[in-house]
Amino acid sequence: MSEESSGVINVEILGQRYPIRSGLDASYVTELAGYVHQKMQTASERSQAGDAVRVAVLAALNIADEYFRCRDSRATSEDDVRRRAIELEEIVDRAIASVE
């Protein structure tokens, strides 16, 4: 049974191999694992603790921080668009009212 047909993708993170069962594209899962590996490597280099669990938690916190910043940025952008649309609607309403 091949990796693709079984839905298992083997990835390596910090020297540990993990079989990941997923319906996602194998290259995407491999890219995700590479990203997690990079974050864990960075956390390991910056932390005095060599404990793998602590490194994983620090990496997870960094990834969560990136996610929250992206999510909050998107919400702000959507709010800006909504506010601008309302302003434009008011301008158009005033222009129409001045013509009538």
PDB file of N, CA and C in Angstrom:
ATOM      1  N   MET A   1       0.854  -1.181   0.000  1.00  0.00           N
ATOM      2  CA  MET A   1       0.000   0.000   0.000  1.00  0.00           C
ATOM      3  C   MET A   1       0.893   1.235   0.000  1.00  0.00           C
ATOM      4  N   SER A   2       0.712   2.110  -0.968  1.00  0.00           N
ATOM      5  CA  SER A   2       1.540   3.308  -1.061  1.00  0.00           C
ATOM      6  C   SER A   2       1.026   4.383  -0.108  1.00  0.00           C
ATOM      7  N   GLU A   3       1.873   5.392   0.097  1.00  0.00           N
ATOM      8  CA  GLU A   3       1.479   6.498   0.980  1.00  0.00           C
ATOM      9  C   GLU A   3       0.209   7.161   0.480  1.00  0.00           C
ATOM     10  N   GLU A   4       0.151   7.466  -0.819  1.00  0.00           N
ATOM     11  CA  GLU A   4      -1.001   8.188  -1.358  1.00  0.00           C
ATOM     12  C   GLU A   4      -2.285   7.375  -1.240  1.00  0.00           C
ATOM     13  N   SER A   5      -2.227   6.092  -1.573  1.00  0.00           N
ATOM     14  CA  SER A   5      -3.456   5.301  -1.551  1.00  0.00           C
ATOM     15  C   SER A   5      -3.946   5.050  -0.135  1.00  0.00           C
ATOM     16  N   SER A   6      -3.043   5.078   0.851  1.00  0.00           N
ATOM     17  CA  SER A   6      -3.463   4.860   2.231  1.00  0.00           C
ATOM     18  C   SER A   6      -3.849   6.157   2.920  1.00  0.00           C
ATOM     19  N   GLY A   7      -3.544   7.286   2.284  1.00  0.00           N
ATOM     20  CA  GLY A   7      -3.841   8.572   2.899  1.00  0.00           C
ATOM     21  C   GLY A   7      -2.863   8.946   3.990  1.00  0.00           C
ATOM     22  N   VAL A   8      -1.723   8.248   4.067  1.00  0.00           N
ATOM     23  CA  VAL A   8      -0.715   8.533   5.080  1.00  0.00           C
ATOM     24  C   VAL A   8       0.475   9.207   4.408  1.00  0.00           C
ATOM     25  N   ILE A   9       0.867  10.328   4.984  1.00  0.00           N
ATOM     26  CA  ILE A   9       2.018  11.068   4.486  1.00  0.00           C
ATOM     27  C   ILE A   9       3.041  11.102   5.611  1.00  0.00           C
ATOM     28  N   ASN A  10       4.236  10.634   5.332  1.00  0.00           N
ATOM     29  CA  ASN A  10       5.294  10.641   6.342  1.00  0.00           C
ATOM     30  C   ASN A  10       6.052  11.949   6.257  1.00  0.00           C
ATOM     31  N   VAL A  11       6.137  12.635   7.392  1.00  0.00           N
ATOM     32  CA  VAL A  11       6.864  13.900   7.469  1.00  0.00           C
ATOM     33  C   VAL A  11       7.877  13.805   8.602  1.00  0.00           C
ATOM     34  N   GLU A  12       8.844  14.701   8.555  1.00  0.00           N
ATOM     35  CA  GLU A  12       9.857  14.738   9.611  1.00  0.00           C
ATOM     36  C   GLU A  12       9.907  16.137  10.198  1.00  0.00           C
ATOM     37  N   ILE A  13       9.828  16.189  11.523  1.00  0.00           N
ATOM     38  CA  ILE A  13       9.897  17.450  12.249  1.00  0.00           C
ATOM     39  C   ILE A  13      10.900  17.279  13.373  1.00  0.00           C
ATOM     40  N   LEU A  14      11.950  18.076  13.357  1.00  0.00           N
ATOM     41  CA  LEU A  14      13.030  18.018  14.345  1.00  0.00           C
ATOM     42  C   LEU A  14      13.573  16.602  14.529  1.00  0.00           C
ATOM     43  N   GLY A  15      13.783  15.936  13.431  1.00  0.00           N
ATOM     44  CA  GLY A  15      14.390  14.612  13.481  1.00  0.00           C
ATOM     45  C   GLY A  15      13.440  13.476  13.819  1.00  0.00           C
ATOM     46  N   GLN A  16      12.183  13.780  14.059  1.00  0.00           N
ATOM     47  CA  GLN A  16      11.184  12.747  14.365  1.00  0.00           C
ATOM     48  C   GLN A  16      10.297  12.543  13.155  1.00  0.00           C
ATOM     49  N   ARG A  17      10.045  11.302  12.813  1.00  0.00           N
ATOM     50  CA  ARG A  17       9.150  11.000  11.690  1.00  0.00           C
ATOM     51  C   ARG A  17       7.732  10.826  12.221  1.00  0.00           C
ATOM     52  N   TYR A  18       6.792  11.414  11.496  1.00  0.00           N
ATOM     53  CA  TYR A  18       5.384  11.341  11.868  1.00  0.00           C
ATOM     54  C   TYR A  18       4.569  10.875  10.669  1.00  0.00           C
ATOM     55  N   PRO A  19       3.789   9.809  10.836  1.00  0.00           N
ATOM     56  CA  PRO A  19       2.862   9.423   9.767  1.00  0.00           C
ATOM     57  C   PRO A  19       1.581  10.238   9.931  1.00  0.00           C
ATOM     58  N   ILE A  20       1.247  11.035   8.942  1.00  0.00           N
ATOM     59  CA  ILE A  20       0.075  11.903   9.006  1.00  0.00           C
ATOM     60  C   ILE A  20      -0.994  11.333   8.077  1.00  0.00           C
ATOM     61  N   ARG A  21      -2.111  10.956   8.658  1.00  0.00           N
ATOM     62  CA  ARG A  21      -3.229  10.467   7.849  1.00  0.00           C
ATOM     63  C   ARG A  21      -4.073  11.666   7.462  1.00  0.00           C
ATOM     64  N   SER A  22      -4.205  11.883   6.155  1.00  0.00           N
ATOM     65  CA  SER A  22      -4.918  13.066   5.693  1.00  0.00           C
ATOM     66  C   SER A  22      -5.425  12.861   4.275  1.00  0.00           C
ATOM     67  N   GLY A  23      -6.512  13.527   3.985  1.00  0.00           N
ATOM     68  CA  GLY A  23      -7.039  13.552   2.629  1.00  0.00           C
ATOM     69  C   GLY A  23      -6.493  14.738   1.841  1.00  0.00           C
ATOM     70  N   LEU A  24      -5.673  15.559   2.500  1.00  0.00           N
ATOM     71  CA  LEU A  24      -5.083  16.717   1.839  1.00  0.00           C
ATOM     72  C   LEU A  24      -3.968  16.281   0.903  1.00  0.00           C
ATOM     73  N   ASP A  25      -3.617  17.165  -0.018  1.00  0.00           N
ATOM     74  CA  ASP A  25      -2.528  16.908  -0.944  1.00  0.00           C
ATOM     75  C   ASP A  25      -1.227  16.691  -0.170  1.00  0.00           C
ATOM     76  N   ALA A  26      -0.475  15.676  -0.557  1.00  0.00           N
ATOM     77  CA  ALA A  26       0.761  15.321   0.151  1.00  0.00           C
ATOM     78  C   ALA A  26       1.759  16.474   0.171  1.00  0.00           C
ATOM     79  N   SER A  27       1.875  17.217  -0.920  1.00  0.00           N
ATOM     80  CA  SER A  27       2.831  18.328  -0.953  1.00  0.00           C
ATOM     81  C   SER A  27       2.416  19.438   0.014  1.00  0.00           C
ATOM     82  N   TYR A  28       1.109  19.628   0.180  1.00  0.00           N
ATOM     83  CA  TYR A  28       0.625  20.639   1.116  1.00  0.00           C
ATOM     84  C   TYR A  28       0.933  20.219   2.557  1.00  0.00           C
ATOM     85  N   VAL A  29       0.689  18.963   2.882  1.00  0.00           N
ATOM     86  CA  VAL A  29       0.983  18.454   4.235  1.00  0.00           C
ATOM     87  C   VAL A  29       2.480  18.545   4.502  1.00  0.00           C
ATOM     88  N   THR A  30       3.283  18.232   3.506  1.00  0.00           N
ATOM     89  CA  THR A  30       4.735  18.326   3.648  1.00  0.00           C
ATOM     90  C   THR A  30       5.155  19.777   3.874  1.00  0.00           C
ATOM     91  N   GLU A  31       4.514  20.703   3.164  1.00  0.00           N
ATOM     92  CA  GLU A  31       4.796  22.124   3.363  1.00  0.00           C
ATOM     93  C   GLU A  31       4.417  22.563   4.778  1.00  0.00           C
ATOM     94  N   LEU A  32       3.258  22.115   5.264  1.00  0.00           N
ATOM     95  CA  LEU A  32       2.842  22.434   6.633  1.00  0.00           C
ATOM     96  C   LEU A  32       3.859  21.916   7.643  1.00  0.00           C
ATOM     97  N   ALA A  33       4.286  20.672   7.444  1.00  0.00           N
ATOM     98  CA  ALA A  33       5.264  20.065   8.355  1.00  0.00           C
ATOM     99  C   ALA A  33       6.575  20.844   8.323  1.00  0.00           C
ATOM    100  N   GLY A  34       6.981  21.291   7.148  1.00  0.00           N
ATOM    101  CA  GLY A  34       8.197  22.094   7.042  1.00  0.00           C
ATOM    102  C   GLY A  34       8.079  23.401   7.795  1.00  0.00           C
ATOM    103  N   TYR A  35       6.901  23.999   7.744  1.00  0.00           N
ATOM    104  CA  TYR A  35       6.655  25.248   8.462  1.00  0.00           C
ATOM    105  C   TYR A  35       6.722  25.013   9.976  1.00  0.00           C
ATOM    106  N   VAL A  36       6.076  23.948  10.430  1.00  0.00           N
ATOM    107  CA  VAL A  36       6.114  23.613  11.857  1.00  0.00           C
ATOM    108  C   VAL A  36       7.551  23.310  12.283  1.00  0.00           C
ATOM    109  N   HIS A  37       8.275  22.571  11.448  1.00  0.00           N
ATOM    110  CA  HIS A  37       9.682  22.270  11.739  1.00  0.00           C
ATOM    111  C   HIS A  37      10.474  23.561  11.914  1.00  0.00           C
ATOM    112  N   GLN A  38      10.283  24.502  10.991  1.00  0.00           N
ATOM    113  CA  GLN A  38      10.990  25.782  11.051  1.00  0.00           C
ATOM    114  C   GLN A  38      10.658  26.519  12.348  1.00  0.00           C
ATOM    115  N   LYS A  39       9.393  26.568  12.712  1.00  0.00           N
ATOM    116  CA  LYS A  39       8.980  27.267  13.933  1.00  0.00           C
ATOM    117  C   LYS A  39       9.551  26.590  15.174  1.00  0.00           C
ATOM    118  N   MET A  40       9.561  25.265  15.168  1.00  0.00           N
ATOM    119  CA  MET A  40      10.116  24.544  16.314  1.00  0.00           C
ATOM    120  C   MET A  40      11.626  24.726  16.387  1.00  0.00           C
ATOM    121  N   GLN A  41      12.279  24.744  15.246  1.00  0.00           N
ATOM    122  CA  GLN A  41      13.730  24.964  15.208  1.00  0.00           C
ATOM    123  C   GLN A  41      14.053  26.340  15.778  1.00  0.00           C
ATOM    124  N   THR A  42      13.304  27.345  15.374  1.00  0.00           N
ATOM    125  CA  THR A  42      13.510  28.705  15.884  1.00  0.00           C
ATOM    126  C   THR A  42      13.259  28.768  17.383  1.00  0.00           C
ATOM    127  N   ALA A  43      12.167  28.144  17.844  1.00  0.00           N
ATOM    128  CA  ALA A  43      11.858  28.139  19.279  1.00  0.00           C
ATOM    129  C   ALA A  43      12.953  27.419  20.054  1.00  0.00           C
ATOM    130  N   SER A  44      13.480  26.350  19.495  1.00  0.00           N
ATOM    131  CA  SER A  44      14.544  25.590  20.143  1.00  0.00           C
ATOM    132  C   SER A  44      15.813  26.426  20.274  1.00  0.00           C
ATOM    133  N   GLU A  45      16.126  27.187  19.238  1.00  0.00           N
ATOM    134  CA  GLU A  45      17.330  28.026  19.259  1.00  0.00           C
ATOM    135  C   GLU A  45      17.201  29.183  20.235  1.00  0.00           C
ATOM    136  N   ARG A  46      15.999  29.690  20.419  1.00  0.00           N
ATOM    137  CA  ARG A  46      15.788  30.866  21.278  1.00  0.00           C
ATOM    138  C   ARG A  46      15.500  30.496  22.727  1.00  0.00           C
ATOM    139  N   SER A  47      15.216  29.230  22.981  1.00  0.00           N
ATOM    140  CA  SER A  47      14.827  28.808  24.319  1.00  0.00           C
ATOM    141  C   SER A  47      15.973  28.084  25.005  1.00  0.00           C
ATOM    142  N   GLN A  48      16.071  28.271  26.302  1.00  0.00           N
ATOM    143  CA  GLN A  48      17.077  27.552  27.090  1.00  0.00           C
ATOM    144  C   GLN A  48      16.635  26.112  27.344  1.00  0.00           C
ATOM    145  N   ALA A  49      15.327  25.895  27.292  1.00  0.00           N
ATOM    146  CA  ALA A  49      14.791  24.565  27.578  1.00  0.00           C
ATOM    147  C   ALA A  49      14.961  23.670  26.359  1.00  0.00           C
ATOM    148  N   GLY A  50      15.556  22.514  26.548  1.00  0.00           N
ATOM    149  CA  GLY A  50      15.739  21.573  25.460  1.00  0.00           C
ATOM    150  C   GLY A  50      14.594  20.577  25.372  1.00  0.00           C
ATOM    151  N   ASP A  51      13.644  20.685  26.273  1.00  0.00           N
ATOM    152  CA  ASP A  51      12.505  19.777  26.328  1.00  0.00           C
ATOM    153  C   ASP A  51      11.642  19.942  25.082  1.00  0.00           C
ATOM    154  N   ALA A  52      11.398  18.853  24.382  1.00  0.00           N
ATOM    155  CA  ALA A  52      10.643  18.890  23.123  1.00  0.00           C
ATOM    156  C   ALA A  52       9.222  19.419  23.321  1.00  0.00           C
ATOM    157  N   VAL A  53       8.609  19.104  24.440  1.00  0.00           N
ATOM    158  CA  VAL A  53       7.242  19.577  24.688  1.00  0.00           C
ATOM    159  C   VAL A  53       7.237  21.093  24.849  1.00  0.00           C
ATOM    160  N   ARG A  54       8.192  21.629  25.579  1.00  0.00           N
ATOM    161  CA  ARG A  54       8.273  23.083  25.741  1.00  0.00           C
ATOM    162  C   ARG A  54       8.529  23.769  24.404  1.00  0.00           C
ATOM    163  N   VAL A  55       9.410  23.189  23.605  1.00  0.00           N
ATOM    164  CA  VAL A  55       9.700  23.743  22.286  1.00  0.00           C
ATOM    165  C   VAL A  55       8.442  23.726  21.433  1.00  0.00           C
ATOM    166  N   ALA A  56       7.688  22.624  21.484  1.00  0.00           N
ATOM    167  CA  ALA A  56       6.452  22.514  20.700  1.00  0.00           C
ATOM    168  C   ALA A  56       5.428  23.548  21.150  1.00  0.00           C
ATOM    169  N   VAL A  57       5.327  23.771  22.457  1.00  0.00           N
ATOM    170  CA  VAL A  57       4.378  24.765  22.968  1.00  0.00           C
ATOM    171  C   VAL A  57       4.791  26.164  22.533  1.00  0.00           C
ATOM    172  N   LEU A  58       6.077  26.484  22.604  1.00  0.00           N
ATOM    173  CA  LEU A  58       6.547  27.791  22.156  1.00  0.00           C
ATOM    174  C   LEU A  58       6.280  27.984  20.665  1.00  0.00           C
ATOM    175  N   ALA A  59       6.528  26.953  19.878  1.00  0.00           N
ATOM    176  CA  ALA A  59       6.251  27.029  18.444  1.00  0.00           C
ATOM    177  C   ALA A  59       4.759  27.214  18.198  1.00  0.00           C
ATOM    178  N   ALA A  60       3.936  26.481  18.933  1.00  0.00           N
ATOM    179  CA  ALA A  60       2.485  26.604  18.776  1.00  0.00           C
ATOM    180  C   ALA A  60       2.012  28.011  19.133  1.00  0.00           C
ATOM    181  N   LEU A  61       2.584  28.587  20.178  1.00  0.00           N
ATOM    182  CA  LEU A  61       2.223  29.957  20.551  1.00  0.00           C
ATOM    183  C   LEU A  61       2.620  30.946  19.460  1.00  0.00           C
ATOM    184  N   ASN A  62       3.787  30.761  18.868  1.00  0.00           N
ATOM    185  CA  ASN A  62       4.216  31.636  17.773  1.00  0.00           C
ATOM    186  C   ASN A  62       3.291  31.502  16.569  1.00  0.00           C
ATOM    187  N   ILE A  63       2.904  30.282  16.230  1.00  0.00           N
ATOM    188  CA  ILE A  63       1.996  30.064  15.103  1.00  0.00           C
ATOM    189  C   ILE A  63       0.628  30.662  15.407  1.00  0.00           C
ATOM    190  N   ALA A  64       0.151  30.490  16.649  1.00  0.00           N
ATOM    191  CA  ALA A  64      -1.137  31.069  17.043  1.00  0.00           C
ATOM    192  C   ALA A  64      -1.082  32.594  16.956  1.00  0.00           C
ATOM    193  N   ASP A  65       0.035  33.180  17.380  1.00  0.00           N
ATOM    194  CA  ASP A  65       0.199  34.627  17.288  1.00  0.00           C
ATOM    195  C   ASP A  65       0.115  35.082  15.833  1.00  0.00           C
ATOM    196  N   GLU A  66       0.794  34.388  14.926  1.00  0.00           N
ATOM    197  CA  GLU A  66       0.724  34.734  13.501  1.00  0.00           C
ATOM    198  C   GLU A  66      -0.709  34.641  12.991  1.00  0.00           C
ATOM    199  N   TYR A  67      -1.391  33.575  13.376  1.00  0.00           N
ATOM    200  CA  TYR A  67      -2.777  33.380  12.944  1.00  0.00           C
ATOM    201  C   TYR A  67      -3.671  34.518  13.448  1.00  0.00           C
ATOM    202  N   PHE A  68      -3.566  34.842  14.740  1.00  0.00           N
ATOM    203  CA  PHE A  68      -4.407  35.888  15.318  1.00  0.00           C
ATOM    204  C   PHE A  68      -4.135  37.235  14.659  1.00  0.00           C
ATOM    205  N   ARG A  69      -2.859  37.555  14.410  1.00  0.00           N
ATOM    206  CA  ARG A  69      -2.529  38.826  13.765  1.00  0.00           C
ATOM    207  C   ARG A  69      -3.118  38.885  12.361  1.00  0.00           C
ATOM    208  N   CYS A  70      -3.034  37.780  11.647  1.00  0.00           N
ATOM    209  CA  CYS A  70      -3.602  37.723  10.296  1.00  0.00           C
ATOM    210  C   CYS A  70      -5.118  37.866  10.355  1.00  0.00           C
ATOM    211  N   ARG A  71      -5.746  37.135  11.267  1.00  0.00           N
ATOM    212  CA  ARG A  71      -7.196  37.195  11.423  1.00  0.00           C
ATOM    213  C   ARG A  71      -7.645  38.599  11.791  1.00  0.00           C
ATOM    214  N   ASP A  72      -6.954  39.225  12.748  1.00  0.00           N
ATOM    215  CA  ASP A  72      -7.317  40.574  13.175  1.00  0.00           C
ATOM    216  C   ASP A  72      -7.086  41.582  12.061  1.00  0.00           C
ATOM    217  N   SER A  73      -6.043  41.401  11.298  1.00  0.00           N
ATOM    218  CA  SER A  73      -5.758  42.279  10.166  1.00  0.00           C
ATOM    219  C   SER A  73      -6.855  42.171   9.123  1.00  0.00           C
ATOM    220  N   ARG A  74      -7.293  40.952   8.873  1.00  0.00           N
ATOM    221  CA  ARG A  74      -8.367  40.736   7.898  1.00  0.00           C
ATOM    222  C   ARG A  74      -9.654  41.394   8.386  1.00  0.00           C
ATOM    223  N   ALA A  75      -9.974  41.250   9.666  1.00  0.00           N
ATOM    224  CA  ALA A  75     -11.192  41.853  10.212  1.00  0.00           C
ATOM    225  C   ALA A  75     -11.123  43.369  10.087  1.00  0.00           C
ATOM    226  N   THR A  76      -9.954  43.941  10.363  1.00  0.00           N
ATOM    227  CA  THR A  76      -9.789  45.383  10.243  1.00  0.00           C
ATOM    228  C   THR A  76      -9.985  45.812   8.795  1.00  0.00           C
ATOM    229  N   SER A  77      -9.427  45.063   7.868  1.00  0.00           N
ATOM    230  CA  SER A  77      -9.583  45.392   6.455  1.00  0.00           C
ATOM    231  C   SER A  77     -11.046  45.328   6.043  1.00  0.00           C
ATOM    232  N   GLU A  78     -11.754  44.299   6.489  1.00  0.00           N
ATOM    233  CA  GLU A  78     -13.176  44.167   6.163  1.00  0.00           C
ATOM    234  C   GLU A  78     -13.970  45.314   6.759  1.00  0.00           C
ATOM    235  N   ASP A  79     -13.629  45.723   7.985  1.00  0.00           N
ATOM    236  CA  ASP A  79     -14.304  46.860   8.613  1.00  0.00           C
ATOM    237  C   ASP A  79     -14.033  48.141   7.833  1.00  0.00           C
ATOM    238  N   ASP A  80     -12.796  48.320   7.376  1.00  0.00           N
ATOM    239  CA  ASP A  80     -12.449  49.505   6.587  1.00  0.00           C
ATOM    240  C   ASP A  80     -13.242  49.548   5.291  1.00  0.00           C
ATOM    241  N   VAL A  81     -13.365  48.412   4.627  1.00  0.00           N
ATOM    242  CA  VAL A  81     -14.123  48.344   3.374  1.00  0.00           C
ATOM    243  C   VAL A  81     -15.589  48.661   3.636  1.00  0.00           C
ATOM    244  N   ARG A  82     -16.135  48.074   4.690  1.00  0.00           N
ATOM    245  CA  ARG A  82     -17.541  48.315   5.033  1.00  0.00           C
ATOM    246  C   ARG A  82     -17.779  49.793   5.332  1.00  0.00           C
ATOM    247  N   ARG A  83     -16.882  50.390   6.123  1.00  0.00           N
ATOM    248  CA  ARG A  83     -17.020  51.803   6.479  1.00  0.00           C
ATOM    249  C   ARG A  83     -16.921  52.685   5.225  1.00  0.00           C
ATOM    250  N   ARG A  84     -15.981  52.360   4.347  1.00  0.00           N
ATOM    251  CA  ARG A  84     -15.819  53.145   3.109  1.00  0.00           C
ATOM    252  C   ARG A  84     -17.046  53.011   2.212  1.00  0.00           C
ATOM    253  N   ALA A  85     -17.627  51.817   2.152  1.00  0.00           N
ATOM    254  CA  ALA A  85     -18.839  51.617   1.343  1.00  0.00           C
ATOM    255  C   ALA A  85     -19.982  52.469   1.873  1.00  0.00           C
ATOM    256  N   ILE A  86     -20.110  52.557   3.187  1.00  0.00           N
ATOM    257  CA  ILE A  86     -21.163  53.386   3.791  1.00  0.00           C
ATOM    258  C   ILE A  86     -20.917  54.859   3.469  1.00  0.00           C
ATOM    259  N   GLU A  87     -19.652  55.294   3.567  1.00  0.00           N
ATOM    260  CA  GLU A  87     -19.322  56.682   3.232  1.00  0.00           C
ATOM    261  C   GLU A  87     -19.660  56.994   1.776  1.00  0.00           C
ATOM    262  N   LEU A  88     -19.320  56.086   0.880  1.00  0.00           N
ATOM    263  CA  LEU A  88     -19.622  56.287  -0.537  1.00  0.00           C
ATOM    264  C   LEU A  88     -21.128  56.327  -0.784  1.00  0.00           C
ATOM    265  N   GLU A  89     -21.867  55.489  -0.090  1.00  0.00           N
ATOM    266  CA  GLU A  89     -23.326  55.480  -0.228  1.00  0.00           C
ATOM    267  C   GLU A  89     -23.903  56.818   0.221  1.00  0.00           C
ATOM    268  N   GLU A  90     -23.379  57.368   1.311  1.00  0.00           N
ATOM    269  CA  GLU A  90     -23.849  58.655   1.797  1.00  0.00           C
ATOM    270  C   GLU A  90     -23.530  59.770   0.796  1.00  0.00           C
ATOM    271  N   ILE A  91     -22.343  59.717   0.180  1.00  0.00           N
ATOM    272  CA  ILE A  91     -21.972  60.716  -0.831  1.00  0.00           C
ATOM    273  C   ILE A  91     -22.922  60.647  -2.019  1.00  0.00           C
ATOM    274  N   VAL A  92     -23.207  59.437  -2.471  1.00  0.00           N
ATOM    275  CA  VAL A  92     -24.112  59.260  -3.604  1.00  0.00           C
ATOM    276  C   VAL A  92     -25.515  59.742  -3.235  1.00  0.00           C
ATOM    277  N   ASP A  93     -25.982  59.434  -2.036  1.00  0.00           N
ATOM    278  CA  ASP A  93     -27.307  59.891  -1.579  1.00  0.00           C
ATOM    279  C   ASP A  93     -27.391  61.412  -1.555  1.00  0.00           C
ATOM    280  N   ARG A  94     -26.325  62.072  -1.074  1.00  0.00           N
ATOM    281  CA  ARG A  94     -26.310  63.541  -1.027  1.00  0.00           C
ATOM    282  C   ARG A  94     -26.304  64.108  -2.451  1.00  0.00           C
ATOM    283  N   ALA A  95     -25.525  63.474  -3.345  1.00  0.00           N
ATOM    284  CA  ALA A  95     -25.467  63.949  -4.731  1.00  0.00           C
ATOM    285  C   ALA A  95     -26.823  63.825  -5.405  1.00  0.00           C
ATOM    286  N   ILE A  96     -27.507  62.698  -5.165  1.00  0.00           N
ATOM    287  CA  ILE A  96     -28.834  62.492  -5.756  1.00  0.00           C
ATOM    288  C   ILE A  96     -29.817  63.497  -5.176  1.00  0.00           C
ATOM    289  N   ALA A  97     -29.747  63.737  -3.871  1.00  0.00           N
ATOM    290  CA  ALA A  97     -30.664  64.674  -3.226  1.00  0.00           C
ATOM    291  C   ALA A  97     -30.446  66.097  -3.727  1.00  0.00           C
ATOM    292  N   SER A  98     -29.213  66.462  -4.032  1.00  0.00           N
ATOM    293  CA  SER A  98     -28.949  67.823  -4.506  1.00  0.00           C
ATOM    294  C   SER A  98     -29.422  68.032  -5.951  1.00  0.00           C
ATOM    295  N   VAL A  99     -29.563  66.961  -6.718  1.00  0.00           N
ATOM    296  CA  VAL A  99     -30.032  67.052  -8.095  1.00  0.00           C
ATOM    297  C   VAL A  99     -31.552  67.156  -8.132  1.00  0.00           C
ATOM    298  N   GLU A 100     -32.221  66.548  -7.202  1.00  0.00           N
ATOM    299  CA  GLU A 100     -33.693  66.487  -7.220  1.00  0.00           C
ATOM    300  C   GLU A 100     -34.318  67.770  -6.905  1.00  0.00           C
TER     301      GLU A 100
END
